[in-house]
């Protein structure tokens, strides 16, 4: 008989690799959604033009989609908003879908 072995190609998405997190503090309100199987699209509104630019670069060079909405006490300084956006992205990145991303990507090393 004919046996069939099914393997996932590292270039094809295996499942939904989308993560989302919301972070609310006294100083900020942050929402982050990342799609690792996206096309490099960034949709960011943080009130900090340079941070929005860097999120756009992260998405376009990483070839994943990132959606960020953040409000914060930028009338005082940018620190809390920058920090909480980074912490939110880190929280999404350590969710359960990332090990799958790493194991597939390491096939090219």
Foldseek 3Di string as FASTA:
>chain_A
DDDDDDDDALLDDPDWLKFWDWDDDPFKTKIKIKGQQAQQAEAEDAVDVVVSVVSSVCSNVSRIYMYMYMDGPCVVNCVVSVVVNVVRVVVSCPDPSNVVNVVSVVVVD
